[in-house]
Amino acid sequence: MTERRGAPRHRVFKRGTIAFSGAGFDCTIRNLSATGARIDVEAPVALPEEFVLVIETDKVKHRCRPVWVAARRIGVAFQ
């Protein structure tokens, strides 16, 4: 399988929040890089074309777009 990521990802286990349109819900960040992340959610969700991923422990917010979705797993690219 060919690696298509722009930067190497590192395994993490961090709590996050997906925020859009004044709402938000919890997620778990499973891997992270300078260009994107893989996040897990409790149940399949419909996401907008852009949202903000908040990582409280790191005190960062990333504007994201979903790249792929597989049930409760979502790959995102940072913008």
N, C-alpha and C. Protein backbone atom coordinates (compact mmCIF):
# COMPACT_ATOMS: atom_id res chain seq x y z
N MET A 1 0.85 -1.18 0.00
CA MET A 1 0.00 0.00 0.00
C MET A 1 0.89 1.24 0.00
N THR A 2 0.57 2.19 -0.83
CA THR A 2 1.36 3.41 -0.96
C THR A 2 0.93 4.42 0.10
N GLU A 3 1.89 4.99 0.78
CA GLU A 3 1.63 6.04 1.79
C GLU A 3 1.33 7.34 1.08
N ARG A 4 0.16 7.94 1.37
CA ARG A 4 -0.23 9.18 0.71
C ARG A 4 -0.25 10.37 1.65
N ARG A 5 0.09 10.19 2.90
CA ARG A 5 0.05 11.29 3.85
C ARG A 5 1.19 12.26 3.59
N GLY A 6 0.92 13.54 3.88
CA GLY A 6 1.93 14.57 3.67
C GLY A 6 2.98 14.61 4.76
N ALA A 7 2.66 14.05 5.93
CA ALA A 7 3.60 14.05 7.06
C ALA A 7 3.36 12.78 7.87
N PRO A 8 4.40 12.26 8.53
CA PRO A 8 4.22 11.06 9.34
C PRO A 8 3.28 11.32 10.52
N ARG A 9 2.45 10.35 10.81
CA ARG A 9 1.52 10.46 11.94
C ARG A 9 2.07 9.69 13.12
N HIS A 10 1.69 10.16 14.31
CA HIS A 10 2.13 9.54 15.55
C HIS A 10 0.91 9.08 16.33
N ARG A 11 0.98 7.89 16.88
CA ARG A 11 -0.13 7.38 17.68
C ARG A 11 -0.30 8.21 18.93
N VAL A 12 -1.54 8.56 19.19
CA VAL A 12 -1.89 9.31 20.41
C VAL A 12 -3.22 8.78 20.92
N PHE A 13 -3.58 9.19 22.10
CA PHE A 13 -4.89 8.87 22.67
C PHE A 13 -5.31 10.11 23.43
N LYS A 14 -5.96 11.05 22.70
CA LYS A 14 -6.32 12.33 23.30
C LYS A 14 -7.79 12.59 23.10
N ARG A 15 -8.37 13.24 24.07
CA ARG A 15 -9.77 13.65 23.97
C ARG A 15 -9.84 14.92 23.15
N GLY A 16 -10.86 15.00 22.29
CA GLY A 16 -11.05 16.18 21.47
C GLY A 16 -12.51 16.53 21.35
N THR A 17 -12.76 17.65 20.71
CA THR A 17 -14.12 18.10 20.42
C THR A 17 -14.19 18.52 18.97
N ILE A 18 -15.21 18.05 18.28
CA ILE A 18 -15.51 18.48 16.92
C ILE A 18 -16.53 19.60 17.05
N ALA A 19 -16.19 20.78 16.57
CA ALA A 19 -17.07 21.95 16.75
C ALA A 19 -17.45 22.54 15.40
N PHE A 20 -18.75 22.81 15.24
CA PHE A 20 -19.25 23.50 14.05
C PHE A 20 -20.66 24.02 14.32
N SER A 21 -20.99 25.12 13.70
CA SER A 21 -22.33 25.73 13.80
C SER A 21 -22.80 25.92 15.24
N GLY A 22 -21.90 26.30 16.13
CA GLY A 22 -22.26 26.55 17.52
C GLY A 22 -22.49 25.30 18.34
N ALA A 23 -22.26 24.12 17.77
CA ALA A 23 -22.44 22.86 18.49
C ALA A 23 -21.09 22.14 18.55
N GLY A 24 -21.04 21.10 19.34
CA GLY A 24 -19.83 20.30 19.43
C GLY A 24 -20.12 18.95 20.01
N PHE A 25 -19.28 17.97 19.67
CA PHE A 25 -19.40 16.66 20.29
C PHE A 25 -18.03 16.06 20.47
N ASP A 26 -17.94 15.15 21.42
CA ASP A 26 -16.67 14.56 21.81
C ASP A 26 -16.15 13.59 20.76
N CYS A 27 -14.83 13.48 20.72
CA CYS A 27 -14.17 12.50 19.87
C CYS A 27 -12.87 12.08 20.55
N THR A 28 -12.24 11.07 20.00
CA THR A 28 -10.93 10.62 20.47
C THR A 28 -9.96 10.72 19.31
N ILE A 29 -8.85 11.41 19.52
CA ILE A 29 -7.82 11.52 18.49
C ILE A 29 -6.91 10.31 18.65
N ARG A 30 -6.77 9.53 17.58
CA ARG A 30 -6.00 8.29 17.63
C ARG A 30 -4.62 8.41 17.00
N ASN A 31 -4.47 9.27 16.00
CA ASN A 31 -3.14 9.59 15.50
C ASN A 31 -3.15 11.02 14.99
N LEU A 32 -1.95 11.60 14.95
CA LEU A 32 -1.84 13.04 14.74
C LEU A 32 -0.55 13.35 14.00
N SER A 33 -0.62 14.33 13.09
CA SER A 33 0.58 14.82 12.40
C SER A 33 0.45 16.32 12.24
N ALA A 34 1.40 16.92 11.58
CA ALA A 34 1.34 18.35 11.32
C ALA A 34 0.26 18.68 10.29
N THR A 35 -0.18 17.69 9.51
CA THR A 35 -1.13 17.95 8.43
C THR A 35 -2.51 17.34 8.62
N GLY A 36 -2.69 16.49 9.62
CA GLY A 36 -4.00 15.86 9.80
C GLY A 36 -4.05 14.92 10.98
N ALA A 37 -5.17 14.19 11.07
CA ALA A 37 -5.38 13.29 12.20
C ALA A 37 -6.41 12.22 11.83
N ARG A 38 -6.44 11.17 12.64
CA ARG A 38 -7.53 10.21 12.59
C ARG A 38 -8.26 10.33 13.89
N ILE A 39 -9.58 10.49 13.80
CA ILE A 39 -10.38 10.63 15.01
C ILE A 39 -11.46 9.57 15.04
N ASP A 40 -11.86 9.17 16.23
CA ASP A 40 -12.95 8.23 16.44
C ASP A 40 -14.09 8.95 17.13
N VAL A 41 -15.31 8.61 16.73
CA VAL A 41 -16.51 9.17 17.35
C VAL A 41 -17.36 8.02 17.89
N GLU A 42 -18.27 8.34 18.82
CA GLU A 42 -19.11 7.31 19.44
C GLU A 42 -20.07 6.66 18.46
N ALA A 43 -20.61 7.44 17.53
CA ALA A 43 -21.58 6.94 16.56
C ALA A 43 -21.32 7.63 15.23
N PRO A 44 -21.68 7.01 14.13
CA PRO A 44 -21.50 7.68 12.83
C PRO A 44 -22.21 9.03 12.82
N VAL A 45 -21.54 10.03 12.24
CA VAL A 45 -22.09 11.39 12.21
C VAL A 45 -21.95 11.99 10.82
N ALA A 46 -22.82 12.92 10.52
CA ALA A 46 -22.71 13.69 9.28
C ALA A 46 -21.91 14.95 9.61
N LEU A 47 -20.83 15.16 8.90
CA LEU A 47 -19.97 16.31 9.16
C LEU A 47 -20.10 17.33 8.04
N PRO A 48 -19.92 18.60 8.37
CA PRO A 48 -19.89 19.62 7.32
C PRO A 48 -18.57 19.55 6.56
N GLU A 49 -18.45 20.33 5.52
CA GLU A 49 -17.22 20.35 4.72
C GLU A 49 -16.03 20.88 5.50
N GLU A 50 -16.28 21.71 6.51
CA GLU A 50 -15.22 22.23 7.40
C GLU A 50 -15.73 22.25 8.82
N PHE A 51 -14.83 22.01 9.77
CA PHE A 51 -15.15 22.11 11.19
C PHE A 51 -13.87 22.39 11.94
N VAL A 52 -13.98 22.59 13.24
CA VAL A 52 -12.82 22.85 14.08
C VAL A 52 -12.62 21.67 15.01
N LEU A 53 -11.39 21.16 15.07
CA LEU A 53 -11.02 20.10 16.00
C LEU A 53 -10.29 20.77 17.16
N VAL A 54 -10.86 20.66 18.35
CA VAL A 54 -10.28 21.26 19.55
C VAL A 54 -9.61 20.17 20.36
N ILE A 55 -8.33 20.36 20.69
CA ILE A 55 -7.59 19.44 21.54
C ILE A 55 -7.22 20.20 22.80
N GLU A 56 -8.03 20.03 23.84
CA GLU A 56 -7.87 20.80 25.08
C GLU A 56 -6.52 20.58 25.74
N THR A 57 -6.05 19.33 25.80
CA THR A 57 -4.79 19.06 26.51
C THR A 57 -3.61 19.79 25.88
N ASP A 58 -3.67 19.99 24.56
CA ASP A 58 -2.61 20.70 23.86
C ASP A 58 -2.91 22.19 23.70
N LYS A 59 -4.14 22.58 24.08
CA LYS A 59 -4.58 23.97 23.94
C LYS A 59 -4.47 24.45 22.49
N VAL A 60 -4.95 23.60 21.55
CA VAL A 60 -4.92 23.95 20.14
C VAL A 60 -6.27 23.72 19.49
N LYS A 61 -6.48 24.46 18.41
CA LYS A 61 -7.66 24.30 17.57
C LYS A 61 -7.17 24.21 16.13
N HIS A 62 -7.70 23.23 15.40
CA HIS A 62 -7.33 23.06 13.99
C HIS A 62 -8.59 23.15 13.14
N ARG A 63 -8.56 23.99 12.13
CA ARG A 63 -9.63 23.98 11.13
C ARG A 63 -9.39 22.77 10.25
N CYS A 64 -10.42 21.93 10.06
CA CYS A 64 -10.27 20.65 9.38
C CYS A 64 -11.29 20.47 8.27
N ARG A 65 -10.97 19.52 7.41
CA ARG A 65 -11.94 19.02 6.45
C ARG A 65 -11.82 17.49 6.47
N PRO A 66 -12.96 16.79 6.43
CA PRO A 66 -12.89 15.33 6.40
C PRO A 66 -12.35 14.85 5.06
N VAL A 67 -11.46 13.87 5.11
CA VAL A 67 -10.88 13.29 3.90
C VAL A 67 -11.51 11.93 3.62
N TRP A 68 -11.73 11.16 4.67
CA TRP A 68 -12.40 9.86 4.53
C TRP A 68 -13.19 9.57 5.80
N VAL A 69 -14.23 8.77 5.65
CA VAL A 69 -15.07 8.36 6.78
C VAL A 69 -15.34 6.88 6.64
N ALA A 70 -15.14 6.13 7.72
CA ALA A 70 -15.43 4.69 7.75
C ALA A 70 -16.11 4.40 9.07
N ALA A 71 -17.45 4.38 9.04
CA ALA A 71 -18.27 4.14 10.24
C ALA A 71 -17.95 5.19 11.30
N ARG A 72 -17.26 4.80 12.37
CA ARG A 72 -16.97 5.73 13.46
C ARG A 72 -15.56 6.30 13.42
N ARG A 73 -14.83 6.07 12.34
CA ARG A 73 -13.48 6.60 12.17
C ARG A 73 -13.49 7.65 11.08
N ILE A 74 -12.73 8.72 11.32
CA ILE A 74 -12.70 9.83 10.36
C ILE A 74 -11.26 10.29 10.18
N GLY A 75 -10.84 10.40 8.95
CA GLY A 75 -9.53 10.98 8.64
C GLY A 75 -9.74 12.43 8.26
N VAL A 76 -8.99 13.32 8.87
CA VAL A 76 -9.13 14.75 8.59
C VAL A 76 -7.81 15.35 8.15
N ALA A 77 -7.91 16.38 7.31
CA ALA A 77 -6.74 17.17 6.91
C ALA A 77 -6.89 18.54 7.53
N PHE A 78 -5.81 19.05 8.09
CA PHE A 78 -5.81 20.40 8.65
C PHE A 78 -5.69 21.40 7.52
N GLN A 79 -6.39 22.52 7.67
CA GLN A 79 -6.33 23.56 6.65
C GLN A 79 -5.53 24.73 7.12
